[in-house]
Amino acid sequence: MNQTDAVVVIATMEAAEGKETQVEEALRTAVRAVHAEPGCERYALHRDAKSPTTFVMVEKWASGPALGAHGKGAALAELGEALDGLLAKPMDVQLLTPLPDGDGHLGAL
């Protein structure tokens, strides 16, 4: 795989008031399932340090096709069902093209 083939995704979700625990549980379940998907190089859950209702998933996929397969996979479908009614607003998803520079380990996800 060429580093330039990789796709980085930042997905931000805001839990509805009082639904933080359920959102976190659904996301943790998805993490374990997605780690087994072909082309998954990173799928890491975070919580915003200043906003406990905001969760951020940092993802790295080996290629666009790997991300496409993830988008059609069972884990993401199950996550969508689990999050139904638990989010304050629609998920915000950013697709990023890595621009590695400097130290190969430090300059890219």
PDB file of N, CA and C in Angstrom:
ATOM      1  N   MET A   1       0.836  -1.178   0.000  1.00  0.00           N
ATOM      2  CA  MET A   1       0.000   0.000   0.000  1.00  0.00           C
ATOM      3  C   MET A   1       0.878   1.236   0.000  1.00  0.00           C
ATOM      4  N   ASN A   2       0.555   2.152  -0.843  1.00  0.00           N
ATOM      5  CA  ASN A   2       1.219   3.438  -0.905  1.00  0.00           C
ATOM      6  C   ASN A   2       0.535   4.366   0.093  1.00  0.00           C
ATOM      7  N   GLN A   3       1.319   5.120   0.864  1.00  0.00           N
ATOM      8  CA  GLN A   3       0.761   6.028   1.878  1.00  0.00           C
ATOM      9  C   GLN A   3      -0.284   6.960   1.266  1.00  0.00           C
ATOM     10  N   THR A   4      -0.102   7.352  -0.001  1.00  0.00           N
ATOM     11  CA  THR A   4      -1.048   8.288  -0.613  1.00  0.00           C
ATOM     12  C   THR A   4      -2.378   7.627  -0.952  1.00  0.00           C
ATOM     13  N   ASP A   5      -2.451   6.303  -0.900  1.00  0.00           N
ATOM     14  CA  ASP A   5      -3.711   5.603  -1.121  1.00  0.00           C
ATOM     15  C   ASP A   5      -4.596   5.648   0.121  1.00  0.00           C
ATOM     16  N   ALA A   6      -3.995   5.915   1.265  1.00  0.00           N
ATOM     17  CA  ALA A   6      -4.722   5.880   2.533  1.00  0.00           C
ATOM     18  C   ALA A   6      -5.767   6.997   2.606  1.00  0.00           C
ATOM     19  N   VAL A   7      -6.780   6.731   3.403  1.00  0.00           N
ATOM     20  CA  VAL A   7      -7.830   7.719   3.661  1.00  0.00           C
ATOM     21  C   VAL A   7      -7.972   7.835   5.174  1.00  0.00           C
ATOM     22  N   VAL A   8      -7.978   9.058   5.660  1.00  0.00           N
ATOM     23  CA  VAL A   8      -8.192   9.315   7.079  1.00  0.00           C
ATOM     24  C   VAL A   8      -9.585   9.895   7.232  1.00  0.00           C
ATOM     25  N   VAL A   9     -10.292   9.429   8.243  1.00  0.00           N
ATOM     26  CA  VAL A   9     -11.650   9.882   8.507  1.00  0.00           C
ATOM     27  C   VAL A   9     -11.718  10.392   9.938  1.00  0.00           C
ATOM     28  N   ILE A  10     -12.354  11.533  10.108  1.00  0.00           N
ATOM     29  CA  ILE A  10     -12.652  12.062  11.432  1.00  0.00           C
ATOM     30  C   ILE A  10     -14.175  12.139  11.517  1.00  0.00           C
ATOM     31  N   ALA A  11     -14.760  11.319  12.366  1.00  0.00           N
ATOM     32  CA  ALA A  11     -16.218  11.299  12.538  1.00  0.00           C
ATOM     33  C   ALA A  11     -16.553  11.829  13.929  1.00  0.00           C
ATOM     34  N   THR A  12     -17.361  12.869  13.969  1.00  0.00           N
ATOM     35  CA  THR A  12     -17.722  13.503  15.235  1.00  0.00           C
ATOM     36  C   THR A  12     -19.207  13.292  15.497  1.00  0.00           C
ATOM     37  N   MET A  13     -19.504  12.832  16.710  1.00  0.00           N
ATOM     38  CA  MET A  13     -20.882  12.570  17.110  1.00  0.00           C
ATOM     39  C   MET A  13     -21.179  13.276  18.421  1.00  0.00           C
ATOM     40  N   GLU A  14     -22.330  13.895  18.498  1.00  0.00           N
ATOM     41  CA  GLU A  14     -22.750  14.541  19.739  1.00  0.00           C
ATOM     42  C   GLU A  14     -23.943  13.787  20.310  1.00  0.00           C
ATOM     43  N   ALA A  15     -23.747  13.225  21.492  1.00  0.00           N
ATOM     44  CA  ALA A  15     -24.819  12.479  22.148  1.00  0.00           C
ATOM     45  C   ALA A  15     -25.922  13.444  22.586  1.00  0.00           C
ATOM     46  N   ALA A  16     -27.150  12.991  22.487  1.00  0.00           N
ATOM     47  CA  ALA A  16     -28.266  13.753  23.044  1.00  0.00           C
ATOM     48  C   ALA A  16     -28.106  13.791  24.555  1.00  0.00           C
ATOM     49  N   GLU A  17     -28.668  14.790  25.164  1.00  0.00           N
ATOM     50  CA  GLU A  17     -28.545  14.954  26.611  1.00  0.00           C
ATOM     51  C   GLU A  17     -28.988  13.686  27.339  1.00  0.00           C
ATOM     52  N   GLY A  18     -28.126  13.208  28.229  1.00  0.00           N
ATOM     53  CA  GLY A  18     -28.423  12.011  29.009  1.00  0.00           C
ATOM     54  C   GLY A  18     -28.154  10.702  28.287  1.00  0.00           C
ATOM     55  N   LYS A  19     -27.684  10.757  27.048  1.00  0.00           N
ATOM     56  CA  LYS A  19     -27.466   9.535  26.252  1.00  0.00           C
ATOM     57  C   LYS A  19     -25.990   9.201  26.073  1.00  0.00           C
ATOM     58  N   GLU A  20     -25.110   9.905  26.802  1.00  0.00           N
ATOM     59  CA  GLU A  20     -23.669   9.725  26.615  1.00  0.00           C
ATOM     60  C   GLU A  20     -23.212   8.279  26.832  1.00  0.00           C
ATOM     61  N   THR A  21     -23.712   7.635  27.859  1.00  0.00           N
ATOM     62  CA  THR A  21     -23.286   6.270  28.166  1.00  0.00           C
ATOM     63  C   THR A  21     -23.690   5.315  27.057  1.00  0.00           C
ATOM     64  N   GLN A  22     -24.908   5.453  26.559  1.00  0.00           N
ATOM     65  CA  GLN A  22     -25.367   4.569  25.491  1.00  0.00           C
ATOM     66  C   GLN A  22     -24.591   4.795  24.200  1.00  0.00           C
ATOM     67  N   VAL A  23     -24.288   6.050  23.896  1.00  0.00           N
ATOM     68  CA  VAL A  23     -23.506   6.348  22.702  1.00  0.00           C
ATOM     69  C   VAL A  23     -22.104   5.749  22.837  1.00  0.00           C
ATOM     70  N   GLU A  24     -21.483   5.945  23.989  1.00  0.00           N
ATOM     71  CA  GLU A  24     -20.144   5.391  24.190  1.00  0.00           C
ATOM     72  C   GLU A  24     -20.154   3.868  24.061  1.00  0.00           C
ATOM     73  N   GLU A  25     -21.132   3.205  24.639  1.00  0.00           N
ATOM     74  CA  GLU A  25     -21.210   1.741  24.545  1.00  0.00           C
ATOM     75  C   GLU A  25     -21.361   1.284  23.103  1.00  0.00           C
ATOM     76  N   ALA A  26     -22.214   1.984  22.336  1.00  0.00           N
ATOM     77  CA  ALA A  26     -22.415   1.625  20.924  1.00  0.00           C
ATOM     78  C   ALA A  26     -21.129   1.813  20.136  1.00  0.00           C
ATOM     79  N   LEU A  27     -20.422   2.897  20.394  1.00  0.00           N
ATOM     80  CA  LEU A  27     -19.171   3.166  19.687  1.00  0.00           C
ATOM     81  C   LEU A  27     -18.092   2.155  20.066  1.00  0.00           C
ATOM     82  N   ARG A  28     -18.010   1.794  21.335  1.00  0.00           N
ATOM     83  CA  ARG A  28     -17.018   0.798  21.765  1.00  0.00           C
ATOM     84  C   ARG A  28     -17.289  -0.560  21.109  1.00  0.00           C
ATOM     85  N   THR A  29     -18.543  -0.930  20.990  1.00  0.00           N
ATOM     86  CA  THR A  29     -18.897  -2.181  20.317  1.00  0.00           C
ATOM     87  C   THR A  29     -18.456  -2.132  18.860  1.00  0.00           C
ATOM     88  N   ALA A  30     -18.677  -0.987  18.213  1.00  0.00           N
ATOM     89  CA  ALA A  30     -18.277  -0.833  16.814  1.00  0.00           C
ATOM     90  C   ALA A  30     -16.761  -0.929  16.664  1.00  0.00           C
ATOM     91  N   VAL A  31     -16.017  -0.325  17.586  1.00  0.00           N
ATOM     92  CA  VAL A  31     -14.551  -0.362  17.516  1.00  0.00           C
ATOM     93  C   VAL A  31     -14.073  -1.805  17.439  1.00  0.00           C
ATOM     94  N   ARG A  32     -14.570  -2.644  18.308  1.00  0.00           N
ATOM     95  CA  ARG A  32     -14.113  -4.033  18.342  1.00  0.00           C
ATOM     96  C   ARG A  32     -14.446  -4.766  17.039  1.00  0.00           C
ATOM     97  N   ALA A  33     -15.610  -4.479  16.470  1.00  0.00           N
ATOM     98  CA  ALA A  33     -16.008  -5.134  15.221  1.00  0.00           C
ATOM     99  C   ALA A  33     -15.208  -4.604  14.029  1.00  0.00           C
ATOM    100  N   VAL A  34     -15.018  -3.297  13.972  1.00  0.00           N
ATOM    101  CA  VAL A  34     -14.351  -2.682  12.820  1.00  0.00           C
ATOM    102  C   VAL A  34     -12.875  -3.041  12.765  1.00  0.00           C
ATOM    103  N   HIS A  35     -12.244  -3.262  13.902  1.00  0.00           N
ATOM    104  CA  HIS A  35     -10.819  -3.624  13.896  1.00  0.00           C
ATOM    105  C   HIS A  35     -10.550  -4.876  13.073  1.00  0.00           C
ATOM    106  N   ALA A  36     -11.538  -5.725  12.894  1.00  0.00           N
ATOM    107  CA  ALA A  36     -11.356  -6.961  12.127  1.00  0.00           C
ATOM    108  C   ALA A  36     -11.589  -6.764  10.627  1.00  0.00           C
ATOM    109  N   GLU A  37     -12.014  -5.570  10.213  1.00  0.00           N
ATOM    110  CA  GLU A  37     -12.316  -5.342   8.797  1.00  0.00           C
ATOM    111  C   GLU A  37     -11.037  -5.183   7.976  1.00  0.00           C
ATOM    112  N   PRO A  38     -11.013  -5.755   6.768  1.00  0.00           N
ATOM    113  CA  PRO A  38      -9.843  -5.596   5.894  1.00  0.00           C
ATOM    114  C   PRO A  38      -9.596  -4.114   5.589  1.00  0.00           C
ATOM    115  N   GLY A  39      -8.338  -3.711   5.664  1.00  0.00           N
ATOM    116  CA  GLY A  39      -7.973  -2.343   5.331  1.00  0.00           C
ATOM    117  C   GLY A  39      -8.073  -1.356   6.468  1.00  0.00           C
ATOM    118  N   CYS A  40      -8.566  -1.800   7.631  1.00  0.00           N
ATOM    119  CA  CYS A  40      -8.645  -0.917   8.787  1.00  0.00           C
ATOM    120  C   CYS A  40      -7.255  -0.808   9.406  1.00  0.00           C
ATOM    121  N   GLU A  41      -6.715   0.395   9.391  1.00  0.00           N
ATOM    122  CA  GLU A  41      -5.401   0.630   9.985  1.00  0.00           C
ATOM    123  C   GLU A  41      -5.509   1.379  11.310  1.00  0.00           C
ATOM    124  N   ARG A  42      -6.609   2.073  11.510  1.00  0.00           N
ATOM    125  CA  ARG A  42      -6.850   2.750  12.787  1.00  0.00           C
ATOM    126  C   ARG A  42      -8.343   3.027  12.882  1.00  0.00           C
ATOM    127  N   TYR A  43      -8.882   2.759  14.038  1.00  0.00           N
ATOM    128  CA  TYR A  43     -10.287   3.062  14.339  1.00  0.00           C
ATOM    129  C   TYR A  43     -10.301   3.297  15.836  1.00  0.00           C
ATOM    130  N   ALA A  44     -10.090   4.557  16.221  1.00  0.00           N
ATOM    131  CA  ALA A  44      -9.812   4.886  17.614  1.00  0.00           C
ATOM    132  C   ALA A  44     -10.816   5.900  18.140  1.00  0.00           C
ATOM    133  N   LEU A  45     -11.459   5.558  19.230  1.00  0.00           N
ATOM    134  CA  LEU A  45     -12.496   6.384  19.838  1.00  0.00           C
ATOM    135  C   LEU A  45     -11.900   7.380  20.824  1.00  0.00           C
ATOM    136  N   HIS A  46     -12.424   8.599  20.794  1.00  0.00           N
ATOM    137  CA  HIS A  46     -12.013   9.662  21.710  1.00  0.00           C
ATOM    138  C   HIS A  46     -13.244  10.415  22.193  1.00  0.00           C
ATOM    139  N   ARG A  47     -13.086  11.070  23.344  1.00  0.00           N
ATOM    140  CA  ARG A  47     -14.129  11.963  23.857  1.00  0.00           C
ATOM    141  C   ARG A  47     -13.522  13.359  23.951  1.00  0.00           C
ATOM    142  N   ASP A  48     -14.285  14.354  23.572  1.00  0.00           N
ATOM    143  CA  ASP A  48     -13.833  15.741  23.657  1.00  0.00           C
ATOM    144  C   ASP A  48     -13.601  16.098  25.120  1.00  0.00           C
ATOM    145  N   ALA A  49     -12.406  16.584  25.438  1.00  0.00           N
ATOM    146  CA  ALA A  49     -12.042  16.899  26.828  1.00  0.00           C
ATOM    147  C   ALA A  49     -12.890  18.019  27.416  1.00  0.00           C
ATOM    148  N   LYS A  50     -13.449  18.875  26.574  1.00  0.00           N
ATOM    149  CA  LYS A  50     -14.251  20.008  27.066  1.00  0.00           C
ATOM    150  C   LYS A  50     -15.752  19.786  26.919  1.00  0.00           C
ATOM    151  N   SER A  51     -16.133  18.730  26.220  1.00  0.00           N
ATOM    152  CA  SER A  51     -17.552  18.474  25.981  1.00  0.00           C
ATOM    153  C   SER A  51     -17.812  16.974  26.104  1.00  0.00           C
ATOM    154  N   PRO A  52     -18.236  16.511  27.286  1.00  0.00           N
ATOM    155  CA  PRO A  52     -18.411  15.063  27.492  1.00  0.00           C
ATOM    156  C   PRO A  52     -19.500  14.430  26.634  1.00  0.00           C
ATOM    157  N   THR A  53     -20.288  15.238  25.932  1.00  0.00           N
ATOM    158  CA  THR A  53     -21.299  14.674  25.039  1.00  0.00           C
ATOM    159  C   THR A  53     -20.755  14.451  23.627  1.00  0.00           C
ATOM    160  N   THR A  54     -19.521  14.900  23.363  1.00  0.00           N
ATOM    161  CA  THR A  54     -18.961  14.822  22.017  1.00  0.00           C
ATOM    162  C   THR A  54     -17.924  13.710  21.919  1.00  0.00           C
ATOM    163  N   PHE A  55     -18.121  12.833  20.971  1.00  0.00           N
ATOM    164  CA  PHE A  55     -17.233  11.708  20.705  1.00  0.00           C
ATOM    165  C   PHE A  55     -16.621  11.879  19.318  1.00  0.00           C
ATOM    166  N   VAL A  56     -15.358  11.507  19.187  1.00  0.00           N
ATOM    167  CA  VAL A  56     -14.658  11.623  17.914  1.00  0.00           C
ATOM    168  C   VAL A  56     -13.991  10.288  17.599  1.00  0.00           C
ATOM    169  N   MET A  57     -14.256   9.789  16.405  1.00  0.00           N
ATOM    170  CA  MET A  57     -13.617   8.567  15.935  1.00  0.00           C
ATOM    171  C   MET A  57     -12.563   8.974  14.916  1.00  0.00           C
ATOM    172  N   VAL A  58     -11.319   8.572  15.156  1.00  0.00           N
ATOM    173  CA  VAL A  58     -10.229   8.825  14.224  1.00  0.00           C
ATOM    174  C   VAL A  58      -9.967   7.504  13.508  1.00  0.00           C
ATOM    175  N   GLU A  59     -10.090   7.546  12.192  1.00  0.00           N
ATOM    176  CA  GLU A  59      -9.972   6.331  11.394  1.00  0.00           C
ATOM    177  C   GLU A  59      -8.885   6.486  10.346  1.00  0.00           C
ATOM    178  N   LYS A  60      -8.253   5.377  10.011  1.00  0.00           N
ATOM    179  CA  LYS A  60      -7.355   5.345   8.866  1.00  0.00           C
ATOM    180  C   LYS A  60      -7.623   4.061   8.104  1.00  0.00           C
ATOM    181  N   TRP A  61      -7.847   4.223   6.823  1.00  0.00           N
ATOM    182  CA  TRP A  61      -8.136   3.098   5.941  1.00  0.00           C
ATOM    183  C   TRP A  61      -7.046   2.990   4.894  1.00  0.00           C
ATOM    184  N   ALA A  62      -6.683   1.787   4.521  1.00  0.00           N
ATOM    185  CA  ALA A  62      -5.603   1.542   3.580  1.00  0.00           C
ATOM    186  C   ALA A  62      -5.885   2.146   2.208  1.00  0.00           C
ATOM    187  N   SER A  63      -7.176   2.272   1.870  1.00  0.00           N
ATOM    188  CA  SER A  63      -7.539   2.776   0.542  1.00  0.00           C
ATOM    189  C   SER A  63      -8.995   3.212   0.532  1.00  0.00           C
ATOM    190  N   GLY A  64      -9.362   3.916  -0.513  1.00  0.00           N
ATOM    191  CA  GLY A  64     -10.757   4.282  -0.703  1.00  0.00           C
ATOM    192  C   GLY A  64     -11.674   3.074  -0.790  1.00  0.00           C
ATOM    193  N   PRO A  65     -11.281   2.031  -1.548  1.00  0.00           N
ATOM    194  CA  PRO A  65     -12.123   0.834  -1.597  1.00  0.00           C
ATOM    195  C   PRO A  65     -12.312   0.174  -0.225  1.00  0.00           C
ATOM    196  N   ALA A  66     -11.265   0.187   0.617  1.00  0.00           N
ATOM    197  CA  ALA A  66     -11.410  -0.386   1.963  1.00  0.00           C
ATOM    198  C   ALA A  66     -12.413   0.430   2.777  1.00  0.00           C
ATOM    199  N   LEU A  67     -12.343   1.746   2.662  1.00  0.00           N
ATOM    200  CA  LEU A  67     -13.313   2.599   3.346  1.00  0.00           C
ATOM    201  C   LEU A  67     -14.711   2.358   2.791  1.00  0.00           C
ATOM    202  N   GLY A  68     -14.817   2.190   1.479  1.00  0.00           N
ATOM    203  CA  GLY A  68     -16.118   1.918   0.864  1.00  0.00           C
ATOM    204  C   GLY A  68     -16.729   0.622   1.375  1.00  0.00           C
ATOM    205  N   ALA A  69     -15.902  -0.414   1.521  1.00  0.00           N
ATOM    206  CA  ALA A  69     -16.393  -1.685   2.050  1.00  0.00           C
ATOM    207  C   ALA A  69     -16.852  -1.512   3.496  1.00  0.00           C
ATOM    208  N   HIS A  70     -16.104  -0.733   4.271  1.00  0.00           N
ATOM    209  CA  HIS A  70     -16.505  -0.437   5.656  1.00  0.00           C
ATOM    210  C   HIS A  70     -17.874   0.245   5.669  1.00  0.00           C
ATOM    211  N   GLY A  71     -18.070   1.190   4.767  1.00  0.00           N
ATOM    212  CA  GLY A  71     -19.331   1.924   4.712  1.00  0.00           C
ATOM    213  C   GLY A  71     -20.528   1.044   4.408  1.00  0.00           C
ATOM    214  N   LYS A  72     -20.289  -0.085   3.750  1.00  0.00           N
ATOM    215  CA  LYS A  72     -21.369  -1.016   3.400  1.00  0.00           C
ATOM    216  C   LYS A  72     -21.411  -2.225   4.335  1.00  0.00           C
ATOM    217  N   GLY A  73     -20.503  -2.255   5.333  1.00  0.00           N
ATOM    218  CA  GLY A  73     -20.362  -3.430   6.183  1.00  0.00           C
ATOM    219  C   GLY A  73     -21.366  -3.515   7.314  1.00  0.00           C
ATOM    220  N   ALA A  74     -21.398  -4.682   7.908  1.00  0.00           N
ATOM    221  CA  ALA A  74     -22.337  -4.972   8.992  1.00  0.00           C
ATOM    222  C   ALA A  74     -22.067  -4.123  10.231  1.00  0.00           C
ATOM    223  N   ALA A  75     -20.800  -3.899  10.559  1.00  0.00           N
ATOM    224  CA  ALA A  75     -20.475  -3.155  11.784  1.00  0.00           C
ATOM    225  C   ALA A  75     -21.028  -1.739  11.738  1.00  0.00           C
ATOM    226  N   LEU A  76     -20.891  -1.071  10.596  1.00  0.00           N
ATOM    227  CA  LEU A  76     -21.390   0.300  10.484  1.00  0.00           C
ATOM    228  C   LEU A  76     -22.922   0.324  10.457  1.00  0.00           C
ATOM    229  N   ALA A  77     -23.530  -0.672   9.826  1.00  0.00           N
ATOM    230  CA  ALA A  77     -24.991  -0.759   9.819  1.00  0.00           C
ATOM    231  C   ALA A  77     -25.513  -0.956  11.243  1.00  0.00           C
ATOM    232  N   GLU A  78     -24.852  -1.831  11.989  1.00  0.00           N
ATOM    233  CA  GLU A  78     -25.260  -2.069  13.373  1.00  0.00           C
ATOM    234  C   GLU A  78     -25.048  -0.830  14.235  1.00  0.00           C
ATOM    235  N   LEU A  79     -23.961  -0.106  13.982  1.00  0.00           N
ATOM    236  CA  LEU A  79     -23.727   1.129  14.727  1.00  0.00           C
ATOM    237  C   LEU A  79     -24.815   2.145  14.432  1.00  0.00           C
ATOM    238  N   GLY A  80     -25.186   2.286  13.186  1.00  0.00           N
ATOM    239  CA  GLY A  80     -26.261   3.207  12.821  1.00  0.00           C
ATOM    240  C   GLY A  80     -27.559   2.883  13.543  1.00  0.00           C
ATOM    241  N   GLU A  81     -27.881   1.614  13.620  1.00  0.00           N
ATOM    242  CA  GLU A  81     -29.087   1.189  14.335  1.00  0.00           C
ATOM    243  C   GLU A  81     -28.964   1.485  15.827  1.00  0.00           C
ATOM    244  N   ALA A  82     -27.787   1.215  16.399  1.00  0.00           N
ATOM    245  CA  ALA A  82     -27.577   1.413  17.834  1.00  0.00           C
ATOM    246  C   ALA A  82     -27.635   2.894  18.208  1.00  0.00           C
ATOM    247  N   LEU A  83     -27.200   3.771  17.290  1.00  0.00           N
ATOM    248  CA  LEU A  83     -27.187   5.206  17.584  1.00  0.00           C
ATOM    249  C   LEU A  83     -28.508   5.890  17.264  1.00  0.00           C
ATOM    250  N   ASP A  84     -29.436   5.180  16.640  1.00  0.00           N
ATOM    251  CA  ASP A  84     -30.717   5.775  16.263  1.00  0.00           C
ATOM    252  C   ASP A  84     -31.413   6.379  17.482  1.00  0.00           C
ATOM    253  N   GLY A  85     -31.668   7.683  17.423  1.00  0.00           N
ATOM    254  CA  GLY A  85     -32.348   8.372  18.510  1.00  0.00           C
ATOM    255  C   GLY A  85     -31.444   8.807  19.654  1.00  0.00           C
ATOM    256  N   LEU A  86     -30.136   8.506  19.569  1.00  0.00           N
ATOM    257  CA  LEU A  86     -29.226   8.831  20.664  1.00  0.00           C
ATOM    258  C   LEU A  86     -28.365  10.068  20.395  1.00  0.00           C
ATOM    259  N   LEU A  87     -28.364  10.566  19.159  1.00  0.00           N
ATOM    260  CA  LEU A  87     -27.517  11.705  18.814  1.00  0.00           C
ATOM    261  C   LEU A  87     -28.318  13.004  18.786  1.00  0.00           C
ATOM    262  N   ALA A  88     -27.660  14.091  19.198  1.00  0.00           N
ATOM    263  CA  ALA A  88     -28.299  15.407  19.216  1.00  0.00           C
ATOM    264  C   ALA A  88     -28.416  15.990  17.816  1.00  0.00           C
ATOM    265  N   LYS A  89     -27.538  15.560  16.919  1.00  0.00           N
ATOM    266  CA  LYS A  89     -27.554  16.044  15.533  1.00  0.00           C
ATOM    267  C   LYS A  89     -26.862  14.998  14.675  1.00  0.00           C
ATOM    268  N   PRO A  90     -26.999  15.098  13.359  1.00  0.00           N
ATOM    269  CA  PRO A  90     -26.347  14.101  12.502  1.00  0.00           C
ATOM    270  C   PRO A  90     -24.832  14.071  12.690  1.00  0.00           C
ATOM    271  N   MET A  91     -24.274  12.899  12.499  1.00  0.00           N
ATOM    272  CA  MET A  91     -22.829  12.708  12.589  1.00  0.00           C
ATOM    273  C   MET A  91     -22.133  13.582  11.542  1.00  0.00           C
ATOM    274  N   ASP A  92     -21.010  14.181  11.934  1.00  0.00           N
ATOM    275  CA  ASP A  92     -20.197  14.972  11.009  1.00  0.00           C
ATOM    276  C   ASP A  92     -19.002  14.117  10.608  1.00  0.00           C
ATOM    277  N   VAL A  93     -18.844  13.875   9.308  1.00  0.00           N
ATOM    278  CA  VAL A  93     -17.773  13.015   8.817  1.00  0.00           C
ATOM    279  C   VAL A  93     -16.887  13.809   7.865  1.00  0.00           C
ATOM    280  N   GLN A  94     -15.591  13.827   8.158  1.00  0.00           N
ATOM    281  CA  GLN A  94     -14.607  14.471   7.288  1.00  0.00           C
ATOM    282  C   GLN A  94     -13.702  13.398   6.695  1.00  0.00           C
ATOM    283  N   LEU A  95     -13.558  13.403   5.370  1.00  0.00           N
ATOM    284  CA  LEU A  95     -12.642  12.505   4.671  1.00  0.00           C
ATOM    285  C   LEU A  95     -11.391  13.297   4.344  1.00  0.00           C
ATOM    286  N   LEU A  96     -10.241  12.789   4.757  1.00  0.00           N
ATOM    287  CA  LEU A  96      -8.987  13.504   4.595  1.00  0.00           C
ATOM    288  C   LEU A  96      -7.984  12.680   3.792  1.00  0.00           C
ATOM    289  N   THR A  97      -7.225  13.339   2.950  1.00  0.00           N
ATOM    290  CA  THR A  97      -6.128  12.714   2.230  1.00  0.00           C
ATOM    291  C   THR A  97      -4.841  13.036   2.979  1.00  0.00           C
ATOM    292  N   PRO A  98      -4.121  12.026   3.449  1.00  0.00           N
ATOM    293  CA  PRO A  98      -2.876  12.292   4.170  1.00  0.00           C
ATOM    294  C   PRO A  98      -1.846  13.018   3.292  1.00  0.00           C
ATOM    295  N   LEU A  99      -1.142  13.944   3.903  1.00  0.00           N
ATOM    296  CA  LEU A  99      -0.030  14.649   3.257  1.00  0.00           C
ATOM    297  C   LEU A  99       1.208  14.463   4.132  1.00  0.00           C
ATOM    298  N   PRO A 100       1.754  13.236   4.172  1.00  0.00           N
ATOM    299  CA  PRO A 100       2.866  12.951   5.076  1.00  0.00           C
ATOM    300  C   PRO A 100       4.090  13.796   4.748  1.00  0.00           C
ATOM    301  N   ASP A 101       4.813  14.169   5.797  1.00  0.00           N
ATOM    302  CA  ASP A 101       6.047  14.943   5.636  1.00  0.00           C
ATOM    303  C   ASP A 101       6.908  14.738   6.879  1.00  0.00           C
ATOM    304  N   GLY A 102       8.156  15.098   6.765  1.00  0.00           N
ATOM    305  CA  GLY A 102       9.064  14.960   7.900  1.00  0.00           C
ATOM    306  C   GLY A 102       9.267  13.496   8.251  1.00  0.00           C
ATOM    307  N   ASP A 103       9.378  13.216   9.529  1.00  0.00           N
ATOM    308  CA  ASP A 103       9.555  11.862  10.039  1.00  0.00           C
ATOM    309  C   ASP A 103       8.375  10.998   9.593  1.00  0.00           C
ATOM    310  N   GLY A 104       8.657   9.868   8.983  1.00  0.00           N
ATOM    311  CA  GLY A 104       7.609   9.008   8.454  1.00  0.00           C
ATOM    312  C   GLY A 104       6.624   8.535   9.502  1.00  0.00           C
ATOM    313  N   HIS A 105       7.070   8.363  10.732  1.00  0.00           N
ATOM    314  CA  HIS A 105       6.192   7.908  11.801  1.00  0.00           C
ATOM    315  C   HIS A 105       5.419   9.074  12.413  1.00  0.00           C
ATOM    316  N   LEU A 106       6.064  10.199  12.567  1.00  0.00           N
ATOM    317  CA  LEU A 106       5.443  11.337  13.239  1.00  0.00           C
ATOM    318  C   LEU A 106       4.610  12.211  12.305  1.00  0.00           C
ATOM    319  N   GLY A 107       4.907  12.169  11.010  1.00  0.00           N
ATOM    320  CA  GLY A 107       4.257  13.076  10.079  1.00  0.00           C
ATOM    321  C   GLY A 107       3.006  12.541   9.428  1.00  0.00           C
ATOM    322  N   ALA A 108       2.514  11.394   9.882  1.00  0.00           N
ATOM    323  CA  ALA A 108       1.301  10.815   9.287  1.00  0.00           C
ATOM    324  C   ALA A 108       0.652   9.891  10.307  1.00  0.00           C
ATOM    325  N   LEU A 109      -0.642   9.742  10.181  1.00  0.00           N
ATOM    326  CA  LEU A 109      -1.357   8.755  11.001  1.00  0.00           C
ATOM    327  C   LEU A 109      -1.073   7.375  10.455  1.00  0.00           C
TER     328      LEU A 109
END
